C-alpha atoms as a PDB file:
ATOM      1  CA  MET A   1    -111.659 140.889  71.113  1.00  0.00           C
ATOM      2  CA  GLN A   2    -113.515 143.578  73.011  1.00  0.00           C
ATOM      3  CA  THR A   3    -112.261 144.301  76.546  1.00  0.00           C
ATOM      4  CA  PHE A   4    -114.942 145.131  79.139  1.00  0.00           C
ATOM      5  CA  TRP A   5    -115.523 145.176  82.930  1.00  0.00           C
ATOM      6  CA  ASN A   6    -117.491 142.129  84.290  1.00  0.00           C
ATOM      7  CA  PHE A   7    -118.728 141.799  87.781  1.00  0.00           C
ATOM      8  CA  PRO A   8    -120.630 138.473  87.968  1.00  0.00           C
ATOM      9  CA  ALA A   9    -122.982 137.606  90.723  1.00  0.00           C
ATOM     10  CA  VAL A  10    -121.732 134.886  93.076  1.00  0.00           C
ATOM     11  CA  SER A  11    -123.999 131.743  92.680  1.00  0.00           C
ATOM     12  CA  GLY A  12    -126.602 132.037  95.411  1.00  0.00           C
ATOM     13  CA  GLY A  13    -125.488 135.528  96.355  1.00  0.00           C
ATOM     14  CA  ASN A  14    -127.293 138.896  96.073  1.00  0.00           C
ATOM     15  CA  ILE A  15    -126.863 141.250  93.216  1.00  0.00           C
ATOM     16  CA  ASN A  16    -126.052 144.726  94.661  1.00  0.00           C
ATOM     17  CA  SER A  17    -126.316 148.055  92.984  1.00  0.00           C
ATOM     18  CA  ILE A  18    -124.108 150.950  93.738  1.00  0.00           C
ATOM     19  CA  ASN A  19    -126.867 152.330  95.976  1.00  0.00           C
ATOM     20  CA  ASN A  20    -126.561 149.539  98.408  1.00  0.00           C
ATOM     21  CA  ALA A  21    -126.003 150.992 101.948  1.00  0.00           C
ATOM     22  CA  GLY A  22    -123.300 148.353 102.534  1.00  0.00           C
ATOM     23  CA  LEU A  23    -121.183 149.996  99.896  1.00  0.00           C
ATOM     24  CA  GLU A  24    -120.842 153.014 102.239  1.00  0.00           C
ATOM     25  CA  THR A  25    -117.976 151.117 103.820  1.00  0.00           C
ATOM     26  CA  PHE A  26    -115.773 151.803 100.866  1.00  0.00           C
ATOM     27  CA  ARG A  27    -115.953 155.559 101.469  1.00  0.00           C
ATOM     28  CA  GLY A  28    -112.926 157.139 102.995  1.00  0.00           C
ATOM     29  CA  ASN A  29    -110.458 154.279 102.551  1.00  0.00           C
ATOM     30  CA  GLU A  30    -111.266 152.830  99.213  1.00  0.00           C
ATOM     31  CA  ILE A  31    -107.947 150.903  98.533  1.00  0.00           C
ATOM     32  CA  ASP A  32    -108.020 149.131 101.915  1.00  0.00           C
ATOM     33  CA  SER A  33    -111.798 148.367 101.667  1.00  0.00           C
ATOM     34  CA  LEU A  34    -111.283 147.030  97.956  1.00  0.00           C
ATOM     35  CA  THR A  35    -108.313 144.966  99.034  1.00  0.00           C
ATOM     36  CA  ARG A  36    -110.088 143.295 101.733  1.00  0.00           C
ATOM     37  CA  GLU A  37    -113.172 142.725  99.544  1.00  0.00           C
ATOM     38  CA  ILE A  38    -110.992 141.052  96.650  1.00  0.00           C
ATOM     39  CA  CYS A  39    -109.273 138.695  99.319  1.00  0.00           C
ATOM     40  CA  GLN A  40    -112.623 137.744 100.933  1.00  0.00           C
ATOM     41  CA  ASN A  41    -114.127 137.058  97.514  1.00  0.00           C
ATOM     42  CA  SER A  42    -111.008 134.808  96.595  1.00  0.00           C
ATOM     43  CA  LEU A  43    -111.426 132.931  99.869  1.00  0.00           C
ATOM     44  CA  ASP A  44    -115.137 132.486  99.348  1.00  0.00           C
ATOM     45  CA  THR A  45    -114.454 130.743  95.849  1.00  0.00           C
ATOM     46  CA  VAL A  46    -111.769 128.282  96.732  1.00  0.00           C
ATOM     47  CA  LYS A  47    -111.796 125.479  94.244  1.00  0.00           C
ATOM     48  CA  ASN A  48    -109.352 123.168  96.175  1.00  0.00           C
ATOM     49  CA  GLN A  49    -109.450 123.397  99.944  1.00  0.00           C
ATOM     50  CA  GLU A  50    -105.926 121.563  99.798  1.00  0.00           C
ATOM     51  CA  GLN A  51    -104.392 124.477  97.913  1.00  0.00           C
ATOM     52  CA  PRO A  52    -103.596 127.854  99.223  1.00  0.00           C
ATOM     53  CA  VAL A  53    -105.435 130.953  97.835  1.00  0.00           C
ATOM     54  CA  ILE A  54    -102.884 133.333  96.372  1.00  0.00           C
ATOM     55  CA  VAL A  55    -103.866 136.978  95.513  1.00  0.00           C
ATOM     56  CA  GLU A  56    -101.348 139.169  93.856  1.00  0.00           C
ATOM     57  CA  PHE A  57    -101.584 143.013  93.525  1.00  0.00           C
ATOM     58  CA  LYS A  58     -99.393 144.956  91.157  1.00  0.00           C
ATOM     59  CA  ASP A  59     -99.266 148.610  90.853  1.00  0.00           C
ATOM     60  CA  PHE A  60     -99.231 150.108  87.198  1.00  0.00           C
ATOM     61  CA  THR A  61     -99.969 153.065  85.164  1.00  0.00           C
ATOM     62  CA  ILE A  62    -102.084 153.220  82.061  1.00  0.00           C
ATOM     63  CA  GLN A  63    -102.911 156.145  79.682  1.00  0.00           C
ATOM     64  CA  SER A  64    -106.626 157.004  80.201  1.00  0.00           C
ATOM     65  CA  GLU A  65    -107.380 156.627  76.527  1.00  0.00           C
ATOM     66  CA  LYS A  66    -106.100 152.931  76.760  1.00  0.00           C
ATOM     67  CA  PHE A  67    -108.299 152.132  79.877  1.00  0.00           C
ATOM     68  CA  PRO A  68    -110.911 149.714  78.712  1.00  0.00           C
ATOM     69  CA  GLY A  69    -114.372 150.857  79.331  1.00  0.00           C
ATOM     70  CA  LEU A  70    -113.447 154.058  81.122  1.00  0.00           C
ATOM     71  CA  ASN A  71    -116.539 155.932  79.852  1.00  0.00           C
ATOM     72  CA  GLN A  72    -118.840 153.157  81.084  1.00  0.00           C
ATOM     73  CA  LEU A  73    -117.031 152.796  84.428  1.00  0.00           C
END
């Protein structure tokens, strides 16, 4: 099985490139911005309004040679 990064467009949403001016908000405090974006995306795609959305973050270390798609990323 080949591992790769996949960032699908949201149904009905816009496909943004890295040159999008809105992505400037990630500069300076990338971790906070990325965390906020992940949580917002999770809330936007709720499957069951009766169930809570649970987002978990775990800190880990990986050797760079084992990082999937490192060169492409």
